[in-house]
């Protein structure tokens, strides 16, 4: 069976240890050297950047987030072992892990690291579809002649370079389409490399829960369970027309994914019309602090994706869904496009504050649209929030100083409020 040493990149046939370096980090699979669609996902990216830049944090649990916004943006794996998860209220996270070091996000540092990783990807293939600062799809079809090595070897080389040159780690999922590549990248984190081949697709998916599908959140999962669909095997019993009749376009996609089919190409150049993120609560809420915390986290994720694609949006949209599923949407047009999390958040928070309807809500979402290529021009603010430009410039300046002289070179209070 084809095998690859992830430490020294030696390829060989069979074996649990590398014949060259005798290392145990071996990936072997019958289709290892014939697959070319990959998903690379950095491991606890924000927290990993913080630990890299401050070695004193290496063995400590680290949570990115905090403050009045009160929601975890991300957590390192030490904190995750204790039960800390993204979107968790900060008070709950600190109950689970009271010794955690809480750090406010340094977006400038994360963007810089993301660009460095992207430059490494660009050396492998032009077919890169970024999803956010820390993850992307890659299509390495036809690159073997160029690199004189199959895609699996080049992907192993990529994450090895990330660790040696940038001090960051990532996990690789390799398969024959985007859906399965993304599933594979989550199978063995951190520092994982997982493969799902053509021959094993059907048996692999058969008993897996449908929540494995990217985009199936709590609301969709609830609707599927109401139809008796909990696993992929349940989906296989439905006709395509019946799924489409019940779930619309999503039903047709579910029919295909249940069979491991995903014809979507990796689209590096497809125009993006909008960028949005939303979350469905486990329990309906009108708690202002909870809504505010999620609003910040979602704004940060939208900003993250915009920066990964070098885009900015001129329209900010707030989306809410009531307990009775009635949807509320509000939007506002800015004077100039933005990709700054602070600007998106403050705009969306203003829209939330002006609502007559106070909930309770089961879902909240944030998005930007009317996209254009981002520039380095500092935002000047608008009539809705004239201090936005000042805060964004201060944030950028602070991040640059910390990047050069360390996290403690400059301290500030709650400047984002």
Protein backbone atom coordinates (compact mmCIF):
# COMPACT_ATOMS: atom_id res chain seq x y z
CA UNK A 1 0.00 0.00 0.00
CA UNK A 2 1.39 3.47 -0.86
CA UNK A 3 2.77 5.24 2.21
CA UNK A 4 4.31 8.61 3.06
CA UNK A 5 6.42 9.73 5.99
CA UNK A 6 5.11 13.08 7.14
CA UNK A 7 8.41 13.94 8.83
CA UNK A 8 10.98 13.37 6.07
CA UNK A 9 8.55 13.05 3.09
CA UNK A 10 9.91 9.67 2.02
CA UNK A 11 7.46 7.61 -0.04
CA UNK A 12 7.45 3.81 0.19
CA UNK A 13 5.25 0.72 0.10
CA UNK A 14 3.67 -0.48 3.36
CA UNK A 15 5.15 -0.28 6.83
CA UNK A 16 4.32 1.42 10.12
CA UNK A 17 7.66 3.23 10.34
CA UNK A 18 9.62 5.22 7.81
CA UNK A 19 12.48 3.21 6.27
CA UNK A 20 14.56 6.40 5.98
CA UNK A 21 14.13 8.23 9.30
CA UNK A 22 12.35 5.47 11.24
CA UNK A 23 9.66 7.94 12.29
CA UNK A 24 6.13 6.73 13.15
CA UNK A 25 4.18 9.58 11.53
CA UNK A 26 3.10 7.58 8.52
CA UNK A 27 0.05 8.07 6.31
CA UNK A 28 -0.84 5.12 4.09
CA UNK A 29 -3.82 4.58 1.81
CA UNK A 30 -4.52 2.72 -1.46
CA UNK A 31 -5.43 5.99 -3.21
CA UNK A 32 -2.89 8.21 -1.44
CA UNK A 33 -1.04 9.25 -4.58
CA UNK A 34 -4.04 9.52 -6.92
CA UNK A 35 -6.20 12.05 -5.01
CA UNK A 36 -5.77 15.80 -5.52
CA UNK A 37 -8.58 17.75 -3.77
CA UNK A 38 -7.55 18.98 -0.33
CA UNK A 39 -8.70 21.06 2.59
CA UNK A 40 -6.10 22.61 4.90
CA UNK A 41 -7.26 23.82 8.29
CA UNK A 42 -4.89 25.47 10.76
CA UNK A 43 -5.00 24.10 14.30
CA UNK A 44 -6.56 26.53 16.83
CA UNK A 45 -5.17 29.33 14.65
CA UNK A 46 -5.61 32.44 16.79
CA UNK A 47 -4.44 30.68 19.95
CA UNK A 48 -1.51 29.11 18.08
CA UNK A 49 -0.33 32.52 16.86
CA UNK A 50 -0.48 33.83 20.44
CA UNK A 51 1.52 30.86 21.76
CA UNK A 52 4.08 31.23 19.01
CA UNK A 53 4.55 34.92 19.75
CA UNK A 54 4.70 34.38 23.51
CA UNK A 55 6.48 31.10 24.37
CA UNK A 56 5.45 31.49 28.03
CA UNK A 57 1.94 30.49 26.95
CA UNK A 58 3.04 27.22 25.32
CA UNK A 59 1.84 24.85 28.07
CA UNK A 60 -1.02 27.00 29.30
CA UNK A 61 -4.70 26.95 28.33
CA UNK A 62 -5.38 29.98 26.14
CA UNK A 63 -8.75 31.50 25.25
CA UNK A 64 -9.14 34.23 22.65
CA UNK A 65 -12.05 36.54 23.41
CA UNK A 66 -13.31 37.93 26.69
CA UNK A 67 -14.31 41.38 27.76
CA UNK A 68 -17.89 42.65 27.78
CA UNK A 69 -18.54 40.75 24.59
CA UNK A 70 -18.28 37.69 26.76
CA UNK A 71 -17.93 34.95 24.14
CA UNK A 72 -15.03 32.64 23.29
CA UNK A 73 -13.65 33.29 19.79
CA UNK A 74 -11.36 30.27 19.88
CA UNK A 75 -9.46 28.18 22.39
CA UNK A 76 -6.25 26.16 22.29
CA UNK A 77 -6.41 22.39 22.57
CA UNK A 78 -5.44 22.40 26.24
CA UNK A 79 -8.53 24.49 26.98
CA UNK A 80 -10.65 22.37 24.63
CA UNK A 81 -9.77 19.26 26.62
CA UNK A 82 -11.38 21.00 29.59
CA UNK A 83 -14.57 21.51 27.55
CA UNK A 84 -14.06 25.09 26.30
CA UNK A 85 -15.58 25.67 22.85
CA UNK A 86 -15.99 28.55 20.40
CA UNK A 87 -19.13 30.66 21.00
CA UNK A 88 -19.26 29.57 24.65
CA UNK A 89 -20.03 32.39 27.12
CA UNK A 90 -16.80 33.47 28.78
CA UNK A 91 -18.10 32.95 32.32
CA UNK A 92 -18.90 29.33 31.45
CA UNK A 93 -15.49 28.80 29.83
CA UNK A 94 -13.72 30.12 32.93
CA UNK A 95 -15.75 27.84 35.17
CA UNK A 96 -14.51 24.89 33.13
CA UNK A 97 -10.95 26.20 32.92
CA UNK A 98 -10.36 28.88 35.61
CA UNK A 99 -6.60 28.94 35.03
CA UNK A 100 -6.97 29.90 31.36
CA UNK A 101 -5.12 32.92 29.99
CA UNK A 102 -7.67 35.15 28.22
CA UNK A 103 -6.33 37.25 25.34
CA UNK A 104 -8.13 39.81 23.21
CA UNK A 105 -7.90 39.12 19.46
CA UNK A 106 -4.95 40.63 17.55
CA UNK A 107 -6.37 40.53 14.05
CA UNK A 108 -3.35 42.20 12.45
CA UNK A 109 -1.09 39.37 13.63
CA UNK A 110 -3.53 36.72 12.42
CA UNK A 111 -3.87 38.36 9.00
CA UNK A 112 -0.08 38.52 8.65
CA UNK A 113 0.29 34.82 9.48
CA UNK A 114 -2.54 33.96 7.08
CA UNK A 115 -0.85 35.80 4.22
CA UNK A 116 2.39 33.94 4.88
CA UNK A 117 0.56 30.60 4.72
CA UNK A 118 -1.25 31.68 1.56
CA UNK A 119 2.10 32.48 -0.08
CA UNK A 120 3.21 28.90 0.59
CA UNK A 121 -0.02 27.57 -0.92
CA UNK A 122 0.45 29.73 -4.01
CA UNK A 123 3.70 27.87 -4.69
CA UNK A 124 1.73 24.61 -4.95
CA UNK A 125 -1.25 25.58 -7.11
CA UNK A 126 -3.18 28.61 -8.37
CA UNK A 127 -6.46 26.81 -7.57
CA UNK A 128 -6.97 27.95 -3.98
CA UNK A 129 -10.34 28.78 -2.45
CA UNK A 130 -9.89 30.46 0.95
CA UNK A 131 -12.72 30.04 3.44
CA UNK A 132 -11.26 32.20 6.21
CA UNK A 133 -7.87 33.28 7.49
CA UNK A 134 -7.05 29.76 8.66
CA UNK A 135 -8.53 27.36 6.13
CA UNK A 136 -8.72 26.83 2.38
CA UNK A 137 -9.47 24.31 -0.34
CA UNK A 138 -6.69 23.42 -2.79
CA UNK A 139 -6.93 21.63 -6.12
CA UNK A 140 -3.58 20.08 -7.03
CA UNK A 141 -4.86 18.23 -10.10
CA UNK A 142 -2.18 18.18 -12.79
CA UNK A 143 0.60 19.55 -10.55
CA UNK A 144 2.59 16.32 -10.20
CA UNK A 145 4.67 17.00 -13.31
CA UNK A 146 5.46 20.50 -12.10
CA UNK A 147 6.54 19.48 -8.60
CA UNK A 148 7.84 15.98 -9.48
CA UNK A 149 5.80 14.66 -6.57
CA UNK A 150 2.16 13.68 -6.05
CA UNK A 151 -0.24 16.09 -4.28
CA UNK A 152 -0.07 14.15 -0.99
CA UNK A 153 3.67 14.77 -0.74
CA UNK A 154 3.30 18.47 -1.52
CA UNK A 155 0.58 18.86 1.10
CA UNK A 156 2.74 17.15 3.72
CA UNK A 157 5.56 19.50 2.71
CA UNK A 158 3.23 22.48 3.10
CA UNK A 159 2.32 21.75 6.74
CA UNK A 160 5.93 20.86 7.49
CA UNK A 161 7.01 24.28 6.18
CA UNK A 162 4.26 25.98 8.16
CA UNK A 163 5.62 24.47 11.34
CA UNK A 164 9.34 25.00 10.68
CA UNK A 165 9.13 28.48 9.13
CA UNK A 166 6.07 30.00 10.82
CA UNK A 167 5.73 27.99 14.03
CA UNK A 168 2.12 27.05 13.16
CA UNK A 169 0.48 23.70 12.51
CA UNK A 170 -2.34 22.56 10.28
CA UNK A 171 -4.38 19.49 9.41
CA UNK A 172 -4.90 18.11 5.91
CA UNK A 173 -7.93 16.38 4.44
CA UNK A 174 -7.35 14.73 1.06
CA UNK A 175 -10.11 13.25 -1.09
CA UNK A 176 -11.82 13.34 -4.49
CA UNK A 177 -14.15 16.31 -3.80
CA UNK A 178 -14.54 19.35 -1.56
CA UNK A 179 -17.16 17.90 0.77
CA UNK A 180 -15.10 14.85 1.67
CA UNK A 181 -11.82 16.78 1.85
CA UNK A 182 -13.32 19.07 4.49
CA UNK A 183 -14.74 16.10 6.40
CA UNK A 184 -11.33 14.42 6.29
CA UNK A 185 -9.46 17.43 7.68
CA UNK A 186 -11.51 17.20 10.90
CA UNK A 187 -10.86 13.50 11.49
CA UNK A 188 -7.44 13.72 13.11
CA UNK A 189 -6.81 17.20 14.50
CA UNK A 190 -4.40 18.64 15.48
CA UNK A 191 -1.52 17.98 13.06
CA UNK A 192 -3.63 15.46 11.19
CA UNK A 193 -3.52 14.07 7.66
CA UNK A 194 -6.56 12.02 6.70
CA UNK A 195 -7.63 10.49 3.40
CA UNK A 196 -11.07 9.46 2.12
CA UNK A 197 -10.78 7.58 -1.16
CA UNK A 198 -13.31 6.84 -3.87
CA UNK A 199 -13.63 3.16 -2.97
CA UNK A 200 -14.38 3.76 0.71
CA UNK A 201 -16.73 6.74 0.36
CA UNK A 202 -20.03 4.86 0.65
CA UNK A 203 -19.09 2.66 3.64
CA UNK A 204 -17.39 5.59 5.37
CA UNK A 205 -20.47 7.82 5.19
CA UNK A 206 -23.14 5.16 5.80
CA UNK A 207 -23.50 5.46 9.59
CA UNK A 208 -22.20 9.01 10.02
CA UNK A 209 -24.57 11.66 11.47
CA UNK A 210 -25.90 14.23 9.01
CA UNK A 211 -24.47 17.04 11.14
CA UNK A 212 -21.16 16.09 9.50
CA UNK A 213 -22.36 18.06 6.48
CA UNK A 214 -20.89 21.54 6.40
CA UNK A 215 -23.78 24.00 6.71
CA UNK A 216 -26.14 21.69 8.60
CA UNK A 217 -26.63 23.67 11.79
CA UNK A 218 -29.01 23.04 14.70
CA UNK A 219 -32.09 24.33 12.82
CA UNK A 220 -31.48 22.19 9.73
CA UNK A 221 -30.59 19.20 11.88
CA UNK A 222 -33.86 19.62 13.78
CA UNK A 223 -35.82 19.72 10.51
CA UNK A 224 -34.04 16.61 9.25
CA UNK A 225 -34.70 14.74 12.49
CA UNK A 226 -38.38 15.64 12.21
CA UNK A 227 -38.31 13.78 8.88
CA UNK A 228 -36.59 10.79 10.46
CA UNK A 229 -33.19 11.66 9.01
CA UNK A 230 -30.33 11.38 11.48
CA UNK A 231 -27.65 9.54 9.53
CA UNK A 232 -26.50 9.31 5.93
CA UNK A 233 -28.11 5.87 5.72
CA UNK A 234 -31.46 7.57 6.39
CA UNK A 235 -30.90 9.96 3.48
CA UNK A 236 -30.20 7.07 1.13
CA UNK A 237 -33.79 5.87 1.55
CA UNK A 238 -35.21 9.09 0.08
CA UNK A 239 -35.79 9.82 -3.58
CA UNK A 240 -34.22 13.02 -4.87
CA UNK A 241 -37.62 14.48 -5.83
CA UNK A 242 -39.00 13.87 -2.33
CA UNK A 243 -36.02 15.51 -0.64
CA UNK A 244 -36.30 18.48 -3.00
CA UNK A 245 -40.03 18.80 -2.31
CA UNK A 246 -39.46 18.83 1.45
CA UNK A 247 -36.20 20.77 1.78
CA UNK A 248 -35.94 22.73 -1.47
CA UNK A 249 -32.50 23.16 -3.04
CA UNK A 250 -30.91 21.87 0.16
CA UNK A 251 -32.74 18.56 -0.38
CA UNK A 252 -31.10 18.01 -3.75
CA UNK A 253 -27.70 18.77 -2.25
CA UNK A 254 -28.36 16.33 0.59
CA UNK A 255 -29.22 13.58 -1.93
CA UNK A 256 -25.86 14.06 -3.66
CA UNK A 257 -23.79 14.36 -0.50
CA UNK A 258 -25.37 11.21 0.96
CA UNK A 259 -23.71 9.40 -1.98
CA UNK A 260 -20.42 11.22 -1.55
CA UNK A 261 -21.01 13.32 -4.67
CA UNK A 262 -19.91 16.95 -4.81
CA UNK A 263 -19.36 18.51 -8.23
CA UNK A 264 -18.45 21.98 -6.95
CA UNK A 265 -15.11 23.12 -8.36
CA UNK A 266 -12.47 24.82 -6.25
CA UNK A 267 -13.10 28.38 -7.37
CA UNK A 268 -10.25 30.77 -6.84
CA UNK A 269 -11.73 33.48 -9.05
CA UNK A 270 -15.51 33.19 -8.62
CA UNK A 271 -16.96 36.54 -7.55
CA UNK A 272 -18.27 36.52 -3.99
CA UNK A 273 -21.49 38.50 -3.60
CA UNK A 274 -21.70 38.52 0.19
CA UNK A 275 -20.04 37.17 3.32
CA UNK A 276 -22.13 36.23 6.32
CA UNK A 277 -22.16 34.12 9.48
CA UNK A 278 -25.01 33.13 11.74
CA UNK A 279 -25.64 30.98 14.78
CA UNK A 280 -28.72 29.22 16.15
CA UNK A 281 -29.08 29.21 19.93
CA UNK A 282 -29.77 26.06 21.90
CA UNK A 283 -32.37 28.07 23.84
CA UNK A 284 -34.28 31.11 22.57
CA UNK A 285 -32.94 34.29 24.17
CA UNK A 286 -33.40 38.03 24.43
CA UNK A 287 -30.50 38.45 26.87
CA UNK A 288 -28.69 41.58 25.69
CA UNK A 289 -25.26 40.38 26.83
CA UNK A 290 -25.65 37.03 25.08
CA UNK A 291 -26.81 38.67 21.85
CA UNK A 292 -23.99 41.22 22.03
CA UNK A 293 -21.38 38.53 22.61
CA UNK A 294 -22.50 36.51 19.62
CA UNK A 295 -22.73 39.67 17.53
CA UNK A 296 -19.05 40.35 18.15
CA UNK A 297 -17.99 36.77 17.44
CA UNK A 298 -19.93 36.66 14.17
CA UNK A 299 -18.62 40.07 13.10
CA UNK A 300 -15.11 38.83 13.75
CA UNK A 301 -15.72 35.73 11.62
CA UNK A 302 -17.16 37.79 8.77
CA UNK A 303 -14.12 40.07 8.98
CA UNK A 304 -11.88 37.00 9.02
CA UNK A 305 -13.35 35.68 5.79
CA UNK A 306 -13.29 39.10 4.13
CA UNK A 307 -9.61 39.55 4.95
CA UNK A 308 -8.79 36.09 3.64
CA UNK A 309 -10.26 37.11 0.27
CA UNK A 310 -8.99 40.74 0.40
CA UNK A 311 -12.58 41.98 0.22
CA UNK A 312 -14.56 44.73 1.93
CA UNK A 313 -18.30 45.32 2.08
CA UNK A 314 -20.28 48.54 1.89
CA UNK A 315 -23.54 47.12 3.28
CA UNK A 316 -23.79 45.57 6.76
CA UNK A 317 -26.78 43.31 7.41
CA UNK A 318 -28.20 42.08 10.71
CA UNK A 319 -30.38 38.97 10.63
CA UNK A 320 -32.57 37.64 13.44
CA UNK A 321 -35.08 34.83 13.65
CA UNK A 322 -37.78 34.78 16.29
CA UNK A 323 -38.90 31.73 18.24
CA UNK A 324 -41.84 31.42 15.81
CA UNK A 325 -39.32 31.32 12.88
CA UNK A 326 -40.31 34.79 11.66
CA UNK A 327 -37.22 36.40 10.19
CA UNK A 328 -36.13 40.00 10.78
CA UNK A 329 -33.50 41.66 8.60
CA UNK A 330 -31.99 45.14 8.83
CA UNK A 331 -29.20 46.67 6.78
CA UNK A 332 -27.31 49.90 6.43
CA UNK A 333 -24.97 51.29 3.78
CA UNK A 334 -21.62 52.67 4.95
CA UNK A 335 -19.79 55.62 3.46
CA UNK A 336 -16.95 53.32 2.38
CA UNK A 337 -16.47 49.52 2.31
CA UNK A 338 -15.01 47.85 5.38
CA UNK A 339 -13.48 44.56 6.44
CA UNK A 340 -12.76 45.73 10.00
CA UNK A 341 -14.44 43.53 12.64
CA UNK A 342 -14.91 46.52 14.94
CA UNK A 343 -16.76 48.48 12.26
CA UNK A 344 -19.00 45.57 11.29
CA UNK A 345 -19.79 44.88 14.94
CA UNK A 346 -20.64 48.45 15.91
CA UNK A 347 -22.85 48.88 12.85
CA UNK A 348 -24.71 45.63 13.51
CA UNK A 349 -25.05 46.47 17.20
CA UNK A 350 -26.64 49.81 16.30
CA UNK A 351 -29.10 48.01 14.03
CA UNK A 352 -29.94 45.63 16.88
CA UNK A 353 -30.47 48.50 19.31
CA UNK A 354 -32.95 50.23 17.01
CA UNK A 355 -35.23 47.18 16.72
CA UNK A 356 -38.65 47.50 18.29
CA UNK A 357 -38.88 43.72 18.48
CA UNK A 358 -36.88 42.54 21.51
CA UNK A 359 -37.28 38.81 20.96
CA UNK A 360 -36.75 36.21 22.21
CA UNK A 361 -34.68 35.06 19.25
CA UNK A 362 -33.53 31.65 18.10
CA UNK A 363 -30.93 32.86 15.57
CA UNK A 364 -28.68 35.85 14.97
CA UNK A 365 -26.52 36.57 11.94
CA UNK A 366 -24.24 39.26 10.51
CA UNK A 367 -23.14 39.85 6.94
CA UNK A 368 -21.53 42.27 4.52
CA UNK A 369 -22.41 42.74 0.85
CA UNK A 370 -21.78 45.04 -2.14
CA UNK A 371 -18.21 43.75 -2.02
CA UNK A 372 -15.11 45.26 -3.55
CA UNK A 373 -11.38 44.73 -3.33
CA UNK A 374 -10.11 45.94 0.03
CA UNK A 375 -7.55 48.73 0.19
CA UNK A 376 -5.21 49.86 2.94
CA UNK A 377 -7.06 53.15 3.26
CA UNK A 378 -8.11 53.76 6.85
CA UNK A 379 -11.87 54.04 7.32
CA UNK A 380 -13.06 57.54 8.11
CA UNK A 381 -16.28 56.61 9.87
CA UNK A 382 -19.79 57.63 8.93
CA UNK A 383 -22.76 59.47 10.37
CA UNK A 384 -23.85 56.33 12.22
CA UNK A 385 -20.50 55.84 13.94
CA UNK A 386 -18.10 58.77 13.41
CA UNK A 387 -15.46 57.28 15.76
CA UNK A 388 -15.09 54.04 13.77
CA UNK A 389 -12.08 55.27 11.79
CA UNK A 390 -10.26 56.46 14.88
CA UNK A 391 -10.80 53.12 16.64
CA UNK A 392 -9.71 51.12 13.58
CA UNK A 393 -6.51 53.17 13.17
CA UNK A 394 -5.73 52.82 16.86
CA UNK A 395 -6.31 49.08 16.64
CA UNK A 396 -4.02 48.72 13.63
CA UNK A 397 -1.28 50.84 15.24
CA UNK A 398 -1.49 48.88 18.48
CA UNK A 399 -1.24 45.57 16.66
CA UNK A 400 1.79 46.71 14.69
CA UNK A 401 3.58 47.80 17.89
CA UNK A 402 2.79 44.49 19.60
CA UNK A 403 3.97 42.55 16.56
CA UNK A 404 7.32 44.29 16.68
CA UNK A 405 7.93 44.60 20.43
CA UNK A 406 5.68 41.93 22.00
CA UNK A 407 2.21 41.68 23.49
CA UNK A 408 2.98 43.76 26.57
CA UNK A 409 4.65 46.63 24.76
CA UNK A 410 1.43 48.61 24.88
CA UNK A 411 -1.63 48.20 27.08
CA UNK A 412 -5.05 49.73 26.72
CA UNK A 413 -8.45 49.58 28.29
CA UNK A 414 -11.74 48.69 26.62
CA UNK A 415 -10.94 50.80 23.53
CA UNK A 416 -13.35 48.98 21.28
CA UNK A 417 -16.40 50.24 23.22
